[in-house]
Amino acid sequence: MEFSQSANIFPTKLWRLVNDSSVDAITWNHQGDGIIVNKNLIEKQFLSLNGFKASCSSSFVRQLNFYGFKKSQRFNRDEPNIHHYFHPNFKRNQPELIPLMRN
């Protein structure tokens, strides 16, 4: 995974987490064009451990918004702590898109 990401630290860390099979709080959706965030697990599993500037899930969501991620309103209405986010330049197996994200 060699790509230039120095200006986009948050998206790069997010990319590493979503591709880490030991992380359950953030995963790819089935299509690989969005991420699924479990707010119940996010704080416990990695916010304070992996160097994010966010210390709670709401800060993490603000960073997602800052980088242009959009939340799907129709995903898992029965599970209020599961959220689905999309970004046109954040896709599974396409790390070369990360430098195109807002910084």
PDB file of N, CA and C in Angstrom:
ATOM      1  N   MET A   1       0.844  -1.181   0.000  1.00  0.00           N
ATOM      2  CA  MET A   1       0.000   0.000   0.000  1.00  0.00           C
ATOM      3  C   MET A   1       0.887   1.242   0.000  1.00  0.00           C
ATOM      4  N   GLU A   2       1.579   1.469  -1.062  1.00  0.00           N
ATOM      5  CA  GLU A   2       2.415   2.654  -1.180  1.00  0.00           C
ATOM      6  C   GLU A   2       1.647   3.727  -1.937  1.00  0.00           C
ATOM      7  N   PHE A   3       1.298   4.792  -1.269  1.00  0.00           N
ATOM      8  CA  PHE A   3       0.651   5.922  -1.908  1.00  0.00           C
ATOM      9  C   PHE A   3       0.925   7.151  -1.086  1.00  0.00           C
ATOM     10  N   SER A   4       0.855   8.292  -1.739  1.00  0.00           N
ATOM     11  CA  SER A   4       1.149   9.550  -1.051  1.00  0.00           C
ATOM     12  C   SER A   4      -0.061   9.979  -0.245  1.00  0.00           C
ATOM     13  N   GLN A   5       0.096  10.063   1.069  1.00  0.00           N
ATOM     14  CA  GLN A   5      -1.036  10.414   1.912  1.00  0.00           C
ATOM     15  C   GLN A   5      -0.661  11.386   3.007  1.00  0.00           C
ATOM     16  N   SER A   6       0.496  11.992   2.935  1.00  0.00           N
ATOM     17  CA  SER A   6       0.964  12.825   4.038  1.00  0.00           C
ATOM     18  C   SER A   6       0.006  13.960   4.371  1.00  0.00           C
ATOM     19  N   ALA A   7      -0.672  14.518   3.383  1.00  0.00           N
ATOM     20  CA  ALA A   7      -1.588  15.626   3.633  1.00  0.00           C
ATOM     21  C   ALA A   7      -2.926  15.146   4.172  1.00  0.00           C
ATOM     22  N   ASN A   8      -3.228  13.878   4.051  1.00  0.00           N
ATOM     23  CA  ASN A   8      -4.523  13.344   4.444  1.00  0.00           C
ATOM     24  C   ASN A   8      -4.362  12.297   5.539  1.00  0.00           C
ATOM     25  N   ILE A   9      -3.933  12.734   6.694  1.00  0.00           N
ATOM     26  CA  ILE A   9      -3.640  11.807   7.780  1.00  0.00           C
ATOM     27  C   ILE A   9      -4.885  11.047   8.229  1.00  0.00           C
ATOM     28  N   PHE A  10      -6.001  11.734   8.435  1.00  0.00           N
ATOM     29  CA  PHE A  10      -7.223  11.054   8.880  1.00  0.00           C
ATOM     30  C   PHE A  10      -7.667   9.989   7.877  1.00  0.00           C
ATOM     31  N   PRO A  11      -7.813  10.324   6.594  1.00  0.00           N
ATOM     32  CA  PRO A  11      -8.230   9.283   5.645  1.00  0.00           C
ATOM     33  C   PRO A  11      -7.255   8.104   5.575  1.00  0.00           C
ATOM     34  N   THR A  12      -5.979   8.371   5.723  1.00  0.00           N
ATOM     35  CA  THR A  12      -4.988   7.296   5.687  1.00  0.00           C
ATOM     36  C   THR A  12      -5.146   6.371   6.887  1.00  0.00           C
ATOM     37  N   LYS A  13      -5.328   6.938   8.070  1.00  0.00           N
ATOM     38  CA  LYS A  13      -5.557   6.112   9.266  1.00  0.00           C
ATOM     39  C   LYS A  13      -6.860   5.332   9.137  1.00  0.00           C
ATOM     40  N   LEU A  14      -7.883   5.996   8.619  1.00  0.00           N
ATOM     41  CA  LEU A  14      -9.165   5.331   8.416  1.00  0.00           C
ATOM     42  C   LEU A  14      -9.013   4.171   7.441  1.00  0.00           C
ATOM     43  N   TRP A  15      -8.273   4.381   6.360  1.00  0.00           N
ATOM     44  CA  TRP A  15      -8.026   3.324   5.372  1.00  0.00           C
ATOM     45  C   TRP A  15      -7.367   2.109   6.033  1.00  0.00           C
ATOM     46  N   ARG A  16      -6.379   2.362   6.860  1.00  0.00           N
ATOM     47  CA  ARG A  16      -5.682   1.256   7.527  1.00  0.00           C
ATOM     48  C   ARG A  16      -6.619   0.498   8.466  1.00  0.00           C
ATOM     49  N   LEU A  17      -7.461   1.229   9.179  1.00  0.00           N
ATOM     50  CA  LEU A  17      -8.382   0.578  10.112  1.00  0.00           C
ATOM     51  C   LEU A  17      -9.440  -0.241   9.394  1.00  0.00           C
ATOM     52  N   VAL A  18     -10.026   0.317   8.356  1.00  0.00           N
ATOM     53  CA  VAL A  18     -11.101  -0.389   7.658  1.00  0.00           C
ATOM     54  C   VAL A  18     -10.566  -1.641   6.953  1.00  0.00           C
ATOM     55  N   ASN A  19      -9.280  -1.668   6.678  1.00  0.00           N
ATOM     56  CA  ASN A  19      -8.668  -2.836   6.051  1.00  0.00           C
ATOM     57  C   ASN A  19      -8.039  -3.795   7.058  1.00  0.00           C
ATOM     58  N   ASP A  20      -8.149  -3.494   8.336  1.00  0.00           N
ATOM     59  CA  ASP A  20      -7.606  -4.341   9.396  1.00  0.00           C
ATOM     60  C   ASP A  20      -8.699  -5.309   9.857  1.00  0.00           C
ATOM     61  N   SER A  21      -8.498  -6.578   9.623  1.00  0.00           N
ATOM     62  CA  SER A  21      -9.524  -7.572   9.957  1.00  0.00           C
ATOM     63  C   SER A  21      -9.774  -7.704  11.454  1.00  0.00           C
ATOM     64  N   SER A  22      -8.888  -7.176  12.293  1.00  0.00           N
ATOM     65  CA  SER A  22      -9.101  -7.254  13.739  1.00  0.00           C
ATOM     66  C   SER A  22      -9.982  -6.117  14.260  1.00  0.00           C
ATOM     67  N   VAL A  23     -10.323  -5.165  13.408  1.00  0.00           N
ATOM     68  CA  VAL A  23     -11.163  -4.026  13.797  1.00  0.00           C
ATOM     69  C   VAL A  23     -12.603  -4.311  13.392  1.00  0.00           C
ATOM     70  N   ASP A  24     -13.499  -4.317  14.372  1.00  0.00           N
ATOM     71  CA  ASP A  24     -14.919  -4.553  14.110  1.00  0.00           C
ATOM     72  C   ASP A  24     -15.730  -3.263  14.057  1.00  0.00           C
ATOM     73  N   ALA A  25     -15.187  -2.184  14.578  1.00  0.00           N
ATOM     74  CA  ALA A  25     -15.934  -0.929  14.673  1.00  0.00           C
ATOM     75  C   ALA A  25     -16.151  -0.268  13.320  1.00  0.00           C
ATOM     76  N   ILE A  26     -15.235  -0.485  12.375  1.00  0.00           N
ATOM     77  CA  ILE A  26     -15.342   0.101  11.038  1.00  0.00           C
ATOM     78  C   ILE A  26     -15.021  -0.982  10.022  1.00  0.00           C
ATOM     79  N   THR A  27     -15.946  -1.210   9.102  1.00  0.00           N
ATOM     80  CA  THR A  27     -15.745  -2.217   8.063  1.00  0.00           C
ATOM     81  C   THR A  27     -16.217  -1.670   6.725  1.00  0.00           C
ATOM     82  N   TRP A  28     -15.797  -2.305   5.645  1.00  0.00           N
ATOM     83  CA  TRP A  28     -16.306  -1.961   4.317  1.00  0.00           C
ATOM     84  C   TRP A  28     -17.720  -2.507   4.176  1.00  0.00           C
ATOM     85  N   ASN A  29     -18.551  -1.835   3.405  1.00  0.00           N
ATOM     86  CA  ASN A  29     -19.828  -2.430   3.043  1.00  0.00           C
ATOM     87  C   ASN A  29     -19.556  -3.523   2.004  1.00  0.00           C
ATOM     88  N   HIS A  30     -20.582  -4.267   1.622  1.00  0.00           N
ATOM     89  CA  HIS A  30     -20.387  -5.391   0.701  1.00  0.00           C
ATOM     90  C   HIS A  30     -19.841  -4.954  -0.653  1.00  0.00           C
ATOM     91  N   GLN A  31     -20.249  -3.784  -1.124  1.00  0.00           N
ATOM     92  CA  GLN A  31     -19.817  -3.304  -2.432  1.00  0.00           C
ATOM     93  C   GLN A  31     -18.410  -2.701  -2.401  1.00  0.00           C
ATOM     94  N   GLY A  32     -17.925  -2.343  -1.231  1.00  0.00           N
ATOM     95  CA  GLY A  32     -16.607  -1.730  -1.111  1.00  0.00           C
ATOM     96  C   GLY A  32     -16.581  -0.258  -1.464  1.00  0.00           C
ATOM     97  N   ASP A  33     -17.766   0.355  -1.541  1.00  0.00           N
ATOM     98  CA  ASP A  33     -17.817   1.782  -1.877  1.00  0.00           C
ATOM     99  C   ASP A  33     -18.251   2.644  -0.700  1.00  0.00           C
ATOM    100  N   GLY A  34     -18.282   2.056   0.483  1.00  0.00           N
ATOM    101  CA  GLY A  34     -18.655   2.787   1.687  1.00  0.00           C
ATOM    102  C   GLY A  34     -18.178   2.045   2.920  1.00  0.00           C
ATOM    103  N   ILE A  35     -18.245   2.734   4.058  1.00  0.00           N
ATOM    104  CA  ILE A  35     -17.834   2.117   5.316  1.00  0.00           C
ATOM    105  C   ILE A  35     -19.022   2.040   6.260  1.00  0.00           C
ATOM    106  N   ILE A  36     -18.995   1.038   7.102  1.00  0.00           N
ATOM    107  CA  ILE A  36     -20.011   0.845   8.126  1.00  0.00           C
ATOM    108  C   ILE A  36     -19.342   1.116   9.467  1.00  0.00           C
ATOM    109  N   VAL A  37     -19.916   2.044  10.229  1.00  0.00           N
ATOM    110  CA  VAL A  37     -19.347   2.461  11.511  1.00  0.00           C
ATOM    111  C   VAL A  37     -20.282   2.026  12.634  1.00  0.00           C
ATOM    112  N   ASN A  38     -19.758   1.266  13.576  1.00  0.00           N
ATOM    113  CA  ASN A  38     -20.503   0.848  14.755  1.00  0.00           C
ATOM    114  C   ASN A  38     -20.107   1.784  15.893  1.00  0.00           C
ATOM    115  N   LYS A  39     -20.994   2.721  16.225  1.00  0.00           N
ATOM    116  CA  LYS A  39     -20.673   3.723  17.245  1.00  0.00           C
ATOM    117  C   LYS A  39     -20.482   3.110  18.627  1.00  0.00           C
ATOM    118  N   ASN A  40     -21.092   1.958  18.886  1.00  0.00           N
ATOM    119  CA  ASN A  40     -20.895   1.303  20.179  1.00  0.00           C
ATOM    120  C   ASN A  40     -19.460   0.825  20.354  1.00  0.00           C
ATOM    121  N   LEU A  41     -18.848   0.415  19.266  1.00  0.00           N
ATOM    122  CA  LEU A  41     -17.492  -0.140  19.340  1.00  0.00           C
ATOM    123  C   LEU A  41     -16.395   0.878  19.064  1.00  0.00           C
ATOM    124  N   ILE A  42     -16.720   1.964  18.420  1.00  0.00           N
ATOM    125  CA  ILE A  42     -15.696   2.880  17.920  1.00  0.00           C
ATOM    126  C   ILE A  42     -14.795   3.435  19.025  1.00  0.00           C
ATOM    127  N   GLU A  43     -15.371   3.916  20.106  1.00  0.00           N
ATOM    128  CA  GLU A  43     -14.559   4.486  21.185  1.00  0.00           C
ATOM    129  C   GLU A  43     -13.726   3.407  21.864  1.00  0.00           C
ATOM    130  N   LYS A  44     -14.340   2.273  22.122  1.00  0.00           N
ATOM    131  CA  LYS A  44     -13.635   1.193  22.812  1.00  0.00           C
ATOM    132  C   LYS A  44     -12.499   0.631  21.979  1.00  0.00           C
ATOM    133  N   GLN A  45     -12.734   0.498  20.691  1.00  0.00           N
ATOM    134  CA  GLN A  45     -11.791  -0.260  19.886  1.00  0.00           C
ATOM    135  C   GLN A  45     -10.612   0.542  19.369  1.00  0.00           C
ATOM    136  N   PHE A  46     -10.801   1.831  19.058  1.00  0.00           N
ATOM    137  CA  PHE A  46      -9.633   2.478  18.485  1.00  0.00           C
ATOM    138  C   PHE A  46      -9.475   3.970  18.610  1.00  0.00           C
ATOM    139  N   LEU A  47     -10.454   4.736  18.979  1.00  0.00           N
ATOM    140  CA  LEU A  47     -10.270   6.192  18.969  1.00  0.00           C
ATOM    141  C   LEU A  47      -9.093   6.632  19.826  1.00  0.00           C
ATOM    142  N   SER A  48      -9.041   6.183  21.043  1.00  0.00           N
ATOM    143  CA  SER A  48      -7.957   6.617  21.924  1.00  0.00           C
ATOM    144  C   SER A  48      -6.671   5.824  21.710  1.00  0.00           C
ATOM    145  N   LEU A  49      -6.745   4.707  21.011  1.00  0.00           N
ATOM    146  CA  LEU A  49      -5.582   3.846  20.858  1.00  0.00           C
ATOM    147  C   LEU A  49      -4.785   4.087  19.587  1.00  0.00           C
ATOM    148  N   ASN A  50      -5.391   4.643  18.561  1.00  0.00           N
ATOM    149  CA  ASN A  50      -4.740   4.683  17.261  1.00  0.00           C
ATOM    150  C   ASN A  50      -4.390   6.070  16.763  1.00  0.00           C
ATOM    151  N   GLY A  51      -4.292   7.030  17.642  1.00  0.00           N
ATOM    152  CA  GLY A  51      -3.767   8.319  17.251  1.00  0.00           C
ATOM    153  C   GLY A  51      -4.715   9.259  16.543  1.00  0.00           C
ATOM    154  N   PHE A  52      -6.008   8.972  16.546  1.00  0.00           N
ATOM    155  CA  PHE A  52      -6.951   9.923  15.977  1.00  0.00           C
ATOM    156  C   PHE A  52      -7.046  11.125  16.894  1.00  0.00           C
ATOM    157  N   LYS A  53      -7.317  12.283  16.325  1.00  0.00           N
ATOM    158  CA  LYS A  53      -7.509  13.471  17.143  1.00  0.00           C
ATOM    159  C   LYS A  53      -8.871  13.437  17.820  1.00  0.00           C
ATOM    160  N   ALA A  54      -9.723  12.549  17.394  1.00  0.00           N
ATOM    161  CA  ALA A  54     -11.054  12.421  17.975  1.00  0.00           C
ATOM    162  C   ALA A  54     -10.974  11.604  19.259  1.00  0.00           C
ATOM    163  N   SER A  55     -11.715  12.027  20.267  1.00  0.00           N
ATOM    164  CA  SER A  55     -11.728  11.279  21.518  1.00  0.00           C
ATOM    165  C   SER A  55     -13.091  10.662  21.788  1.00  0.00           C
ATOM    166  N   CYS A  56     -14.081  10.974  20.979  1.00  0.00           N
ATOM    167  CA  CYS A  56     -15.398  10.366  21.109  1.00  0.00           C
ATOM    168  C   CYS A  56     -15.979  10.182  19.716  1.00  0.00           C
ATOM    169  N   SER A  57     -17.027   9.395  19.627  1.00  0.00           N
ATOM    170  CA  SER A  57     -17.577   9.082  18.313  1.00  0.00           C
ATOM    171  C   SER A  57     -18.099  10.318  17.592  1.00  0.00           C
ATOM    172  N   SER A  58     -18.617  11.312  18.314  1.00  0.00           N
ATOM    173  CA  SER A  58     -19.110  12.516  17.632  1.00  0.00           C
ATOM    174  C   SER A  58     -17.963  13.304  17.001  1.00  0.00           C
ATOM    175  N   SER A  59     -16.798  13.332  17.640  1.00  0.00           N
ATOM    176  CA  SER A  59     -15.625  13.980  17.042  1.00  0.00           C
ATOM    177  C   SER A  59     -15.169  13.225  15.803  1.00  0.00           C
ATOM    178  N   PHE A  60     -15.242  11.913  15.869  1.00  0.00           N
ATOM    179  CA  PHE A  60     -14.880  11.086  14.722  1.00  0.00           C
ATOM    180  C   PHE A  60     -15.811  11.380  13.546  1.00  0.00           C
ATOM    181  N   VAL A  61     -17.101  11.479  13.819  1.00  0.00           N
ATOM    182  CA  VAL A  61     -18.080  11.784  12.771  1.00  0.00           C
ATOM    183  C   VAL A  61     -17.820  13.172  12.187  1.00  0.00           C
ATOM    184  N   ARG A  62     -17.437  14.136  13.008  1.00  0.00           N
ATOM    185  CA  ARG A  62     -17.095  15.469  12.487  1.00  0.00           C
ATOM    186  C   ARG A  62     -15.923  15.387  11.515  1.00  0.00           C
ATOM    187  N   GLN A  63     -14.944  14.551  11.831  1.00  0.00           N
ATOM    188  CA  GLN A  63     -13.819  14.388  10.908  1.00  0.00           C
ATOM    189  C   GLN A  63     -14.271  13.732   9.608  1.00  0.00           C
ATOM    190  N   LEU A  64     -15.157  12.740   9.701  1.00  0.00           N
ATOM    191  CA  LEU A  64     -15.710  12.152   8.479  1.00  0.00           C
ATOM    192  C   LEU A  64     -16.380  13.232   7.636  1.00  0.00           C
ATOM    193  N   ASN A  65     -17.184  14.064   8.277  1.00  0.00           N
ATOM    194  CA  ASN A  65     -17.879  15.139   7.561  1.00  0.00           C
ATOM    195  C   ASN A  65     -16.895  16.131   6.955  1.00  0.00           C
ATOM    196  N   PHE A  66     -15.859  16.495   7.694  1.00  0.00           N
ATOM    197  CA  PHE A  66     -14.858  17.439   7.201  1.00  0.00           C
ATOM    198  C   PHE A  66     -14.207  16.930   5.922  1.00  0.00           C
ATOM    199  N   TYR A  67     -13.954  15.633   5.867  1.00  0.00           N
ATOM    200  CA  TYR A  67     -13.317  15.050   4.690  1.00  0.00           C
ATOM    201  C   TYR A  67     -14.311  14.688   3.592  1.00  0.00           C
ATOM    202  N   GLY A  68     -15.569  15.044   3.762  1.00  0.00           N
ATOM    203  CA  GLY A  68     -16.540  14.891   2.684  1.00  0.00           C
ATOM    204  C   GLY A  68     -17.314  13.592   2.661  1.00  0.00           C
ATOM    205  N   PHE A  69     -17.239  12.796   3.721  1.00  0.00           N
ATOM    206  CA  PHE A  69     -18.047  11.585   3.775  1.00  0.00           C
ATOM    207  C   PHE A  69     -19.512  11.974   3.950  1.00  0.00           C
ATOM    208  N   LYS A  70     -20.393  11.248   3.302  1.00  0.00           N
ATOM    209  CA  LYS A  70     -21.834  11.465   3.414  1.00  0.00           C
ATOM    210  C   LYS A  70     -22.464  10.248   4.076  1.00  0.00           C
ATOM    211  N   LYS A  71     -23.392  10.510   4.984  1.00  0.00           N
ATOM    212  CA  LYS A  71     -24.069   9.436   5.707  1.00  0.00           C
ATOM    213  C   LYS A  71     -25.307   9.001   4.931  1.00  0.00           C
ATOM    214  N   SER A  72     -25.478   7.695   4.814  1.00  0.00           N
ATOM    215  CA  SER A  72     -26.678   7.147   4.195  1.00  0.00           C
ATOM    216  C   SER A  72     -27.803   7.183   5.218  1.00  0.00           C
ATOM    217  N   GLN A  73     -28.939   7.716   4.838  1.00  0.00           N
ATOM    218  CA  GLN A  73     -30.081   7.817   5.748  1.00  0.00           C
ATOM    219  C   GLN A  73     -30.939   6.556   5.754  1.00  0.00           C
ATOM    220  N   ARG A  74     -30.692   5.655   4.832  1.00  0.00           N
ATOM    221  CA  ARG A  74     -31.558   4.481   4.703  1.00  0.00           C
ATOM    222  C   ARG A  74     -30.922   3.189   5.170  1.00  0.00           C
ATOM    223  N   PHE A  75     -29.800   3.266   5.824  1.00  0.00           N
ATOM    224  CA  PHE A  75     -29.071   2.061   6.216  1.00  0.00           C
ATOM    225  C   PHE A  75     -29.371   1.699   7.663  1.00  0.00           C
ATOM    226  N   ASN A  76     -29.834   0.489   7.899  1.00  0.00           N
ATOM    227  CA  ASN A  76     -30.033  -0.073   9.242  1.00  0.00           C
ATOM    228  C   ASN A  76     -30.816   0.829  10.187  1.00  0.00           C
ATOM    229  N   ARG A  77     -31.992   1.177   9.812  1.00  0.00           N
ATOM    230  CA  ARG A  77     -32.819   1.996  10.708  1.00  0.00           C
ATOM    231  C   ARG A  77     -33.148   1.270  12.005  1.00  0.00           C
ATOM    232  N   ASP A  78     -33.118  -0.051  11.964  1.00  0.00           N
ATOM    233  CA  ASP A  78     -33.410  -0.835  13.166  1.00  0.00           C
ATOM    234  C   ASP A  78     -32.231  -0.882  14.134  1.00  0.00           C
ATOM    235  N   GLU A  79     -31.063  -0.461  13.670  1.00  0.00           N
ATOM    236  CA  GLU A  79     -29.865  -0.455  14.509  1.00  0.00           C
ATOM    237  C   GLU A  79     -29.309   0.962  14.556  1.00  0.00           C
ATOM    238  N   PRO A  80     -29.742   1.763  15.529  1.00  0.00           N
ATOM    239  CA  PRO A  80     -29.362   3.183  15.549  1.00  0.00           C
ATOM    240  C   PRO A  80     -27.874   3.450  15.763  1.00  0.00           C
ATOM    241  N   ASN A  81     -27.113   2.479  16.200  1.00  0.00           N
ATOM    242  CA  ASN A  81     -25.677   2.690  16.420  1.00  0.00           C
ATOM    243  C   ASN A  81     -24.821   2.235  15.244  1.00  0.00           C
ATOM    244  N   ILE A  82     -25.455   1.777  14.172  1.00  0.00           N
ATOM    245  CA  ILE A  82     -24.748   1.365  12.958  1.00  0.00           C
ATOM    246  C   ILE A  82     -25.005   2.428  11.895  1.00  0.00           C
ATOM    247  N   HIS A  83     -23.917   3.004  11.361  1.00  0.00           N
ATOM    248  CA  HIS A  83     -24.037   4.072  10.363  1.00  0.00           C
ATOM    249  C   HIS A  83     -23.200   3.738   9.138  1.00  0.00           C
ATOM    250  N   HIS A  84     -23.697   4.156   7.984  1.00  0.00           N
ATOM    251  CA  HIS A  84     -23.054   3.866   6.706  1.00  0.00           C
ATOM    252  C   HIS A  84     -22.630   5.187   6.078  1.00  0.00           C
ATOM    253  N   TYR A  85     -21.349   5.303   5.710  1.00  0.00           N
ATOM    254  CA  TYR A  85     -20.803   6.532   5.130  1.00  0.00           C
ATOM    255  C   TYR A  85     -20.169   6.237   3.774  1.00  0.00           C
ATOM    256  N   PHE A  86     -20.305   7.212   2.869  1.00  0.00           N
ATOM    257  CA  PHE A  86     -19.742   7.099   1.527  1.00  0.00           C
ATOM    258  C   PHE A  86     -18.843   8.285   1.230  1.00  0.00           C
ATOM    259  N   HIS A  87     -17.846   8.056   0.407  1.00  0.00           N
ATOM    260  CA  HIS A  87     -17.025   9.126  -0.168  1.00  0.00           C
ATOM    261  C   HIS A  87     -16.578   8.637  -1.539  1.00  0.00           C
ATOM    262  N   PRO A  88     -16.687   9.469  -2.574  1.00  0.00           N
ATOM    263  CA  PRO A  88     -16.327   9.003  -3.921  1.00  0.00           C
ATOM    264  C   PRO A  88     -14.853   8.625  -4.069  1.00  0.00           C
ATOM    265  N   ASN A  89     -13.993   9.111  -3.177  1.00  0.00           N
ATOM    266  CA  ASN A  89     -12.566   8.802  -3.257  1.00  0.00           C
ATOM    267  C   ASN A  89     -12.086   7.898  -2.123  1.00  0.00           C
ATOM    268  N   PHE A  90     -13.008   7.158  -1.532  1.00  0.00           N
ATOM    269  CA  PHE A  90     -12.645   6.211  -0.474  1.00  0.00           C
ATOM    270  C   PHE A  90     -13.321   4.893  -0.814  1.00  0.00           C
ATOM    271  N   LYS A  91     -12.593   4.046  -1.518  1.00  0.00           N
ATOM    272  CA  LYS A  91     -13.141   2.782  -1.996  1.00  0.00           C
ATOM    273  C   LYS A  91     -12.152   1.650  -1.751  1.00  0.00           C
ATOM    274  N   ARG A  92     -12.718   0.499  -1.444  1.00  0.00           N
ATOM    275  CA  ARG A  92     -11.889  -0.689  -1.217  1.00  0.00           C
ATOM    276  C   ARG A  92     -11.014  -0.960  -2.445  1.00  0.00           C
ATOM    277  N   ASN A  93      -9.762  -1.323  -2.197  1.00  0.00           N
ATOM    278  CA  ASN A  93      -8.785  -1.659  -3.237  1.00  0.00           C
ATOM    279  C   ASN A  93      -8.405  -0.489  -4.136  1.00  0.00           C
ATOM    280  N   GLN A  94      -8.682   0.748  -3.712  1.00  0.00           N
ATOM    281  CA  GLN A  94      -8.306   1.918  -4.499  1.00  0.00           C
ATOM    282  C   GLN A  94      -7.634   2.981  -3.622  1.00  0.00           C
ATOM    283  N   PRO A  95      -6.529   2.644  -2.961  1.00  0.00           N
ATOM    284  CA  PRO A  95      -5.874   3.609  -2.078  1.00  0.00           C
ATOM    285  C   PRO A  95      -5.319   4.819  -2.822  1.00  0.00           C
ATOM    286  N   GLU A  96      -5.116   4.698  -4.118  1.00  0.00           N
ATOM    287  CA  GLU A  96      -4.595   5.823  -4.899  1.00  0.00           C
ATOM    288  C   GLU A  96      -5.563   7.003  -4.938  1.00  0.00           C
ATOM    289  N   LEU A  97      -6.819   6.796  -4.543  1.00  0.00           N
ATOM    290  CA  LEU A  97      -7.801   7.882  -4.508  1.00  0.00           C
ATOM    291  C   LEU A  97      -7.661   8.763  -3.271  1.00  0.00           C
ATOM    292  N   ILE A  98      -7.051   8.272  -2.220  1.00  0.00           N
ATOM    293  CA  ILE A  98      -6.972   9.009  -0.955  1.00  0.00           C
ATOM    294  C   ILE A  98      -6.361  10.402  -1.107  1.00  0.00           C
ATOM    295  N   PRO A  99      -5.296  10.587  -1.882  1.00  0.00           N
ATOM    296  CA  PRO A  99      -4.748  11.946  -2.019  1.00  0.00           C
ATOM    297  C   PRO A  99      -5.724  12.953  -2.636  1.00  0.00           C
ATOM    298  N   LEU A 100      -6.785  12.469  -3.261  1.00  0.00           N
ATOM    299  CA  LEU A 100      -7.778  13.359  -3.857  1.00  0.00           C
ATOM    300  C   LEU A 100      -8.786  13.883  -2.840  1.00  0.00           C
ATOM    301  N   MET A 101      -8.734  13.345  -1.629  1.00  0.00           N
ATOM    302  CA  MET A 101      -9.679  13.761  -0.597  1.00  0.00           C
ATOM    303  C   MET A 101      -9.287  15.118  -0.033  1.00  0.00           C
ATOM    304  N   ARG A 102     -10.290  15.834   0.458  1.00  0.00           N
ATOM    305  CA  ARG A 102     -10.079  17.155   1.071  1.00  0.00           C
ATOM    306  C   ARG A 102      -9.121  17.027   2.244  1.00  0.00           C
ATOM    307  N   ASN A 103      -8.250  18.010   2.397  1.00  0.00           N
ATOM    308  CA  ASN A 103      -7.356  18.008   3.560  1.00  0.00           C
ATOM    309  C   ASN A 103      -7.382  19.350   4.228  1.00  0.00           C
TER     310      ASN A 103
END
